[in-house]
């Protein structure tokens, strides 16, 4: 059963992209298909980031240790969708002109936040395999804590680009805030336990 989970998750993660490509081919993305495709892909990148961050809490609450084996795939798919989102933006809005990207980053805070989040996720994706984990050792954990900064920047990226309806953007921000708050509470609990253990040993 466990062997079937990863292939099934792989297919599930590909479904949103396949559905959007099918809709694009069949002219079902509305009057501006480029923008629709870019926004939907970006939304799925954010959802997959949420799913990645949810793995640890779910493993703690459920006791299902095998959940941790799914985190790498979810994280890589998050980066994949974020990269497609960035590529679509570069294609439809920038025409692959690097100077225009620099202008957008300087002039539009939501683009600078999104692009910085992608830059943070890039080394995380490149070092997600076990070989890099063994090579980097403790530095691997320090590096991959950057996902929390990426989550904050993704929240800002979503919030800052909304012009009227903040409902969906606030939902994303609230979920990210709850996930980060859970990690902060867990970190403080570990620090407190470590301090108490040192006092007992003294």
C-alpha atoms as a PDB file:
ATOM      1  CA  UNK A   1       0.000   0.000   0.000  1.00  0.00           C
ATOM      2  CA  UNK A   2       2.771   2.444   0.962  1.00  0.00           C
ATOM      3  CA  UNK A   3       4.600   1.760  -2.317  1.00  0.00           C
ATOM      4  CA  UNK A   4       1.544   2.932  -4.242  1.00  0.00           C
ATOM      5  CA  UNK A   5       1.266   6.233  -2.341  1.00  0.00           C
ATOM      6  CA  UNK A   6       4.161   8.007  -4.058  1.00  0.00           C
ATOM      7  CA  UNK A   7       3.137   7.188  -7.653  1.00  0.00           C
ATOM      8  CA  UNK A   8      -0.438   8.167  -6.795  1.00  0.00           C
ATOM      9  CA  UNK A   9       0.713  11.454  -5.254  1.00  0.00           C
ATOM     10  CA  UNK A  10       2.866  12.123  -8.329  1.00  0.00           C
ATOM     11  CA  UNK A  11      -0.179  11.751 -10.588  1.00  0.00           C
ATOM     12  CA  UNK A  12      -2.370  13.860  -8.297  1.00  0.00           C
ATOM     13  CA  UNK A  13       0.203  16.673  -8.339  1.00  0.00           C
ATOM     14  CA  UNK A  14       0.259  16.606 -12.143  1.00  0.00           C
ATOM     15  CA  UNK A  15      -3.534  16.758 -12.485  1.00  0.00           C
ATOM     16  CA  UNK A  16      -3.888  20.560 -12.078  1.00  0.00           C
ATOM     17  CA  UNK A  17      -1.315  21.192 -14.801  1.00  0.00           C
ATOM     18  CA  UNK A  18      -2.876  18.613 -17.115  1.00  0.00           C
ATOM     19  CA  UNK A  19      -6.325  20.102 -16.539  1.00  0.00           C
ATOM     20  CA  UNK A  20      -5.110  23.633 -17.318  1.00  0.00           C
ATOM     21  CA  UNK A  21      -3.249  22.534 -20.450  1.00  0.00           C
ATOM     22  CA  UNK A  22      -6.399  20.727 -21.643  1.00  0.00           C
ATOM     23  CA  UNK A  23      -8.463  23.845 -20.976  1.00  0.00           C
ATOM     24  CA  UNK A  24      -5.940  26.002 -22.850  1.00  0.00           C
ATOM     25  CA  UNK A  25      -5.910  23.682 -25.877  1.00  0.00           C
ATOM     26  CA  UNK A  26      -9.711  23.745 -25.937  1.00  0.00           C
ATOM     27  CA  UNK A  27      -9.931  27.537 -25.560  1.00  0.00           C
ATOM     28  CA  UNK A  28     -11.645  27.387 -22.167  1.00  0.00           C
ATOM     29  CA  UNK A  29      -9.475  29.865 -20.241  1.00  0.00           C
ATOM     30  CA  UNK A  30     -11.454  32.985 -21.098  1.00  0.00           C
ATOM     31  CA  UNK A  31     -10.489  36.157 -22.971  1.00  0.00           C
ATOM     32  CA  UNK A  32      -6.938  36.290 -21.537  1.00  0.00           C
ATOM     33  CA  UNK A  33      -5.743  32.666 -21.399  1.00  0.00           C
ATOM     34  CA  UNK A  34      -2.133  33.632 -20.670  1.00  0.00           C
ATOM     35  CA  UNK A  35      -3.042  35.525 -17.506  1.00  0.00           C
ATOM     36  CA  UNK A  36      -5.534  32.859 -16.417  1.00  0.00           C
ATOM     37  CA  UNK A  37      -2.976  30.098 -16.887  1.00  0.00           C
ATOM     38  CA  UNK A  38      -0.287  32.045 -15.025  1.00  0.00           C
ATOM     39  CA  UNK A  39      -2.549  32.854 -12.077  1.00  0.00           C
ATOM     40  CA  UNK A  40      -3.907  29.309 -11.743  1.00  0.00           C
ATOM     41  CA  UNK A  41      -0.433  27.766 -11.884  1.00  0.00           C
ATOM     42  CA  UNK A  42       0.731  30.263  -9.253  1.00  0.00           C
ATOM     43  CA  UNK A  43      -2.222  29.378  -7.031  1.00  0.00           C
ATOM     44  CA  UNK A  44      -1.301  25.699  -7.244  1.00  0.00           C
ATOM     45  CA  UNK A  45       2.286  26.516  -6.326  1.00  0.00           C
ATOM     46  CA  UNK A  46       0.986  28.207  -3.155  1.00  0.00           C
ATOM     47  CA  UNK A  47      -1.319  25.271  -2.376  1.00  0.00           C
ATOM     48  CA  UNK A  48       1.526  22.799  -2.771  1.00  0.00           C
ATOM     49  CA  UNK A  49       3.680  24.925  -0.465  1.00  0.00           C
ATOM     50  CA  UNK A  50       0.881  24.706   2.113  1.00  0.00           C
ATOM     51  CA  UNK A  51       0.713  20.935   1.603  1.00  0.00           C
ATOM     52  CA  UNK A  52       4.490  20.691   2.087  1.00  0.00           C
ATOM     53  CA  UNK A  53       4.358  22.660   5.336  1.00  0.00           C
ATOM     54  CA  UNK A  54       1.378  20.603   6.513  1.00  0.00           C
ATOM     55  CA  UNK A  55       3.345  17.350   6.455  1.00  0.00           C
ATOM     56  CA  UNK A  56       5.114  17.885   9.798  1.00  0.00           C
ATOM     57  CA  UNK A  57       1.989  18.853  11.777  1.00  0.00           C
ATOM     58  CA  UNK A  58       0.035  15.954  10.280  1.00  0.00           C
ATOM     59  CA  UNK A  59       2.854  13.541  11.095  1.00  0.00           C
ATOM     60  CA  UNK A  60       2.950  14.825  14.688  1.00  0.00           C
ATOM     61  CA  UNK A  61      -0.810  14.596  15.171  1.00  0.00           C
ATOM     62  CA  UNK A  62      -1.318  11.293  13.359  1.00  0.00           C
ATOM     63  CA  UNK A  63       1.905   9.514  14.292  1.00  0.00           C
ATOM     64  CA  UNK A  64       2.258   8.386  10.664  1.00  0.00           C
ATOM     65  CA  UNK A  65       6.018   8.689  10.183  1.00  0.00           C
ATOM     66  CA  UNK A  66       5.766   7.680   6.508  1.00  0.00           C
ATOM     67  CA  UNK A  67       4.219  11.070   5.755  1.00  0.00           C
ATOM     68  CA  UNK A  68       7.702  12.575   5.873  1.00  0.00           C
ATOM     69  CA  UNK A  69       8.604  10.587   2.750  1.00  0.00           C
ATOM     70  CA  UNK A  70       6.020  12.565   0.815  1.00  0.00           C
ATOM     71  CA  UNK A  71       7.337  15.983   1.803  1.00  0.00           C
ATOM     72  CA  UNK A  72      10.202  16.018  -0.710  1.00  0.00           C
ATOM     73  CA  UNK A  73       7.882  15.260  -3.643  1.00  0.00           C
ATOM     74  CA  UNK A  74       5.404  17.934  -2.557  1.00  0.00           C
ATOM     75  CA  UNK A  75       8.215  20.463  -2.167  1.00  0.00           C
ATOM     76  CA  UNK A  76       9.642  19.671  -5.602  1.00  0.00           C
ATOM     77  CA  UNK A  77       6.227  19.969  -7.226  1.00  0.00           C
ATOM     78  CA  UNK A  78       5.744  23.297  -5.432  1.00  0.00           C
ATOM     79  CA  UNK A  79       9.006  24.538  -6.946  1.00  0.00           C
ATOM     80  CA  UNK A  80       8.027  23.108 -10.342  1.00  0.00           C
ATOM     81  CA  UNK A  81       4.704  24.975 -10.371  1.00  0.00           C
ATOM     82  CA  UNK A  82       6.405  28.146  -9.107  1.00  0.00           C
ATOM     83  CA  UNK A  83       8.947  27.854 -11.943  1.00  0.00           C
ATOM     84  CA  UNK A  84       6.189  27.387 -14.531  1.00  0.00           C
ATOM     85  CA  UNK A  85       4.382  30.392 -13.015  1.00  0.00           C
ATOM     86  CA  UNK A  86       7.544  32.496 -13.347  1.00  0.00           C
ATOM     87  CA  UNK A  87       8.151  31.234 -16.894  1.00  0.00           C
ATOM     88  CA  UNK A  88       4.622  32.161 -17.941  1.00  0.00           C
ATOM     89  CA  UNK A  89       5.085  35.634 -16.473  1.00  0.00           C
ATOM     90  CA  UNK A  90       8.388  35.994 -18.343  1.00  0.00           C
ATOM     91  CA  UNK A  91       6.775  34.824 -21.578  1.00  0.00           C
ATOM     92  CA  UNK A  92       3.452  36.666 -21.602  1.00  0.00           C
ATOM     93  CA  UNK A  93       4.415  39.866 -19.777  1.00  0.00           C
ATOM     94  CA  UNK A  94       8.164  40.339 -20.230  1.00  0.00           C
ATOM     95  CA  UNK A  95       8.871  38.715 -23.566  1.00  0.00           C
ATOM     96  CA  UNK A  96      11.923  37.106 -21.938  1.00  0.00           C
ATOM     97  CA  UNK A  97      13.644  40.503 -21.616  1.00  0.00           C
ATOM     98  CA  UNK A  98      15.800  40.458 -18.473  1.00  0.00           C
ATOM     99  CA  UNK A  99      15.844  44.263 -18.189  1.00  0.00           C
ATOM    100  CA  UNK A 100      12.047  44.316 -17.962  1.00  0.00           C
ATOM    101  CA  UNK A 101      12.175  41.764 -15.120  1.00  0.00           C
ATOM    102  CA  UNK A 102      14.549  44.035 -13.187  1.00  0.00           C
ATOM    103  CA  UNK A 103      12.210  46.975 -13.772  1.00  0.00           C
ATOM    104  CA  UNK A 104       9.207  44.991 -12.537  1.00  0.00           C
ATOM    105  CA  UNK A 105      11.093  43.820  -9.440  1.00  0.00           C
ATOM    106  CA  UNK A 106      12.011  47.414  -8.571  1.00  0.00           C
ATOM    107  CA  UNK A 107       8.621  48.958  -9.354  1.00  0.00           C
ATOM    108  CA  UNK A 108       6.228  46.268  -8.106  1.00  0.00           C
ATOM    109  CA  UNK A 109       6.689  44.931  -4.544  1.00  0.00           C
ATOM    110  CA  UNK A 110       4.523  41.858  -5.146  1.00  0.00           C
ATOM    111  CA  UNK A 111       6.784  40.763  -8.000  1.00  0.00           C
ATOM    112  CA  UNK A 112       9.932  41.295  -5.938  1.00  0.00           C
ATOM    113  CA  UNK A 113       8.366  39.223  -3.123  1.00  0.00           C
ATOM    114  CA  UNK A 114       7.379  36.405  -5.483  1.00  0.00           C
ATOM    115  CA  UNK A 115      10.725  36.363  -7.282  1.00  0.00           C
ATOM    116  CA  UNK A 116      12.639  36.361  -3.987  1.00  0.00           C
ATOM    117  CA  UNK A 117      10.520  33.432  -2.778  1.00  0.00           C
ATOM    118  CA  UNK A 118      11.444  31.540  -5.963  1.00  0.00           C
ATOM    119  CA  UNK A 119      15.138  32.322  -5.431  1.00  0.00           C
ATOM    120  CA  UNK A 120      14.904  30.961  -1.871  1.00  0.00           C
ATOM    121  CA  UNK A 121      13.233  27.778  -3.086  1.00  0.00           C
ATOM    122  CA  UNK A 122      15.822  27.190  -5.830  1.00  0.00           C
ATOM    123  CA  UNK A 123      18.640  25.935  -3.534  1.00  0.00           C
ATOM    124  CA  UNK A 124      16.091  23.960  -1.516  1.00  0.00           C
ATOM    125  CA  UNK A 125      15.047  22.073  -4.649  1.00  0.00           C
ATOM    126  CA  UNK A 126      18.655  21.534  -5.740  1.00  0.00           C
ATOM    127  CA  UNK A 127      19.643  20.112  -2.340  1.00  0.00           C
ATOM    128  CA  UNK A 128      16.505  18.097  -1.618  1.00  0.00           C
ATOM    129  CA  UNK A 129      18.059  14.675  -2.307  1.00  0.00           C
ATOM    130  CA  UNK A 130      19.573  12.418   0.329  1.00  0.00           C
ATOM    131  CA  UNK A 131      23.090  12.756  -1.067  1.00  0.00           C
ATOM    132  CA  UNK A 132      23.041  16.522  -0.426  1.00  0.00           C
ATOM    133  CA  UNK A 133      21.432  15.941   2.963  1.00  0.00           C
ATOM    134  CA  UNK A 134      24.355  13.700   3.967  1.00  0.00           C
ATOM    135  CA  UNK A 135      26.888  16.099   2.490  1.00  0.00           C
ATOM    136  CA  UNK A 136      25.549  19.243   4.153  1.00  0.00           C
ATOM    137  CA  UNK A 137      24.643  17.538   7.468  1.00  0.00           C
ATOM    138  CA  UNK A 138      23.455  20.146   9.974  1.00  0.00           C
ATOM    139  CA  UNK A 139      23.730  22.910   7.404  1.00  0.00           C
ATOM    140  CA  UNK A 140      21.047  21.115   5.381  1.00  0.00           C
ATOM    141  CA  UNK A 141      18.443  21.776   8.056  1.00  0.00           C
ATOM    142  CA  UNK A 142      19.526  25.394   8.380  1.00  0.00           C
ATOM    143  CA  UNK A 143      19.281  25.877   4.630  1.00  0.00           C
ATOM    144  CA  UNK A 144      15.849  24.261   4.373  1.00  0.00           C
ATOM    145  CA  UNK A 145      14.431  26.464   7.110  1.00  0.00           C
ATOM    146  CA  UNK A 146      14.396  29.038   4.337  1.00  0.00           C
ATOM    147  CA  UNK A 147      11.040  27.573   3.334  1.00  0.00           C
ATOM    148  CA  UNK A 148       9.499  29.596   6.183  1.00  0.00           C
ATOM    149  CA  UNK A 149      10.828  32.844   4.697  1.00  0.00           C
ATOM    150  CA  UNK A 150       9.514  31.721   1.305  1.00  0.00           C
ATOM    151  CA  UNK A 151       6.070  31.146   2.849  1.00  0.00           C
ATOM    152  CA  UNK A 152       6.018  34.699   4.236  1.00  0.00           C
ATOM    153  CA  UNK A 153       7.056  36.120   0.869  1.00  0.00           C
ATOM    154  CA  UNK A 154       4.435  34.051  -0.976  1.00  0.00           C
ATOM    155  CA  UNK A 155       1.780  35.434   1.385  1.00  0.00           C
ATOM    156  CA  UNK A 156       2.945  38.982   0.621  1.00  0.00           C
ATOM    157  CA  UNK A 157       3.093  38.191  -3.102  1.00  0.00           C
ATOM    158  CA  UNK A 158      -0.554  37.140  -3.017  1.00  0.00           C
ATOM    159  CA  UNK A 159      -1.774  39.966  -0.768  1.00  0.00           C
ATOM    160  CA  UNK A 160       0.030  42.815  -2.528  1.00  0.00           C
ATOM    161  CA  UNK A 161      -1.323  41.990  -5.979  1.00  0.00           C
ATOM    162  CA  UNK A 162      -4.995  41.944  -4.916  1.00  0.00           C
ATOM    163  CA  UNK A 163      -6.885  45.061  -5.905  1.00  0.00           C
ATOM    164  CA  UNK A 164     -10.418  44.519  -4.606  1.00  0.00           C
ATOM    165  CA  UNK A 165     -11.394  41.055  -3.297  1.00  0.00           C
ATOM    166  CA  UNK A 166      -8.995  40.181  -0.446  1.00  0.00           C
ATOM    167  CA  UNK A 167     -10.959  37.118   0.696  1.00  0.00           C
ATOM    168  CA  UNK A 168      -8.932  34.366  -0.971  1.00  0.00           C
ATOM    169  CA  UNK A 169      -5.624  36.146  -0.339  1.00  0.00           C
ATOM    170  CA  UNK A 170      -6.412  36.438   3.369  1.00  0.00           C
ATOM    171  CA  UNK A 171      -7.248  32.722   3.533  1.00  0.00           C
ATOM    172  CA  UNK A 172      -3.805  31.884   2.145  1.00  0.00           C
ATOM    173  CA  UNK A 173      -2.145  34.329   4.550  1.00  0.00           C
ATOM    174  CA  UNK A 174      -4.055  32.892   7.525  1.00  0.00           C
ATOM    175  CA  UNK A 175      -3.105  29.301   6.662  1.00  0.00           C
ATOM    176  CA  UNK A 176       0.558  30.233   6.259  1.00  0.00           C
ATOM    177  CA  UNK A 177       0.447  32.178   9.548  1.00  0.00           C
ATOM    178  CA  UNK A 178      -1.033  29.195  11.417  1.00  0.00           C
ATOM    179  CA  UNK A 179       1.566  26.812   9.983  1.00  0.00           C
ATOM    180  CA  UNK A 180       4.428  29.132  10.885  1.00  0.00           C
ATOM    181  CA  UNK A 181       2.973  29.722  14.365  1.00  0.00           C
ATOM    182  CA  UNK A 182       2.844  25.943  14.925  1.00  0.00           C
ATOM    183  CA  UNK A 183       6.513  25.652  13.991  1.00  0.00           C
ATOM    184  CA  UNK A 184       7.484  28.555  16.230  1.00  0.00           C
ATOM    185  CA  UNK A 185       5.655  27.014  19.196  1.00  0.00           C
ATOM    186  CA  UNK A 186       7.319  23.664  18.512  1.00  0.00           C
ATOM    187  CA  UNK A 187      10.746  25.294  18.299  1.00  0.00           C
ATOM    188  CA  UNK A 188      10.230  27.121  21.596  1.00  0.00           C
ATOM    189  CA  UNK A 189       9.074  23.894  23.227  1.00  0.00           C
ATOM    190  CA  UNK A 190      12.238  22.114  22.066  1.00  0.00           C
ATOM    191  CA  UNK A 191      14.398  24.981  23.311  1.00  0.00           C
ATOM    192  CA  UNK A 192      12.648  24.908  26.686  1.00  0.00           C
ATOM    193  CA  UNK A 193      13.088  21.130  26.973  1.00  0.00           C
ATOM    194  CA  UNK A 194      16.783  21.440  26.086  1.00  0.00           C
ATOM    195  CA  UNK A 195      17.250  24.150  28.719  1.00  0.00           C
ATOM    196  CA  UNK A 196      15.525  22.060  31.392  1.00  0.00           C
ATOM    197  CA  UNK A 197      17.684  19.061  30.506  1.00  0.00           C
ATOM    198  CA  UNK A 198      20.845  21.136  30.916  1.00  0.00           C
ATOM    199  CA  UNK A 199      19.654  22.344  34.323  1.00  0.00           C
ATOM    200  CA  UNK A 200      19.011  18.782  35.440  1.00  0.00           C
ATOM    201  CA  UNK A 201      22.476  17.687  34.274  1.00  0.00           C
ATOM    202  CA  UNK A 202      24.197  20.609  36.022  1.00  0.00           C
END
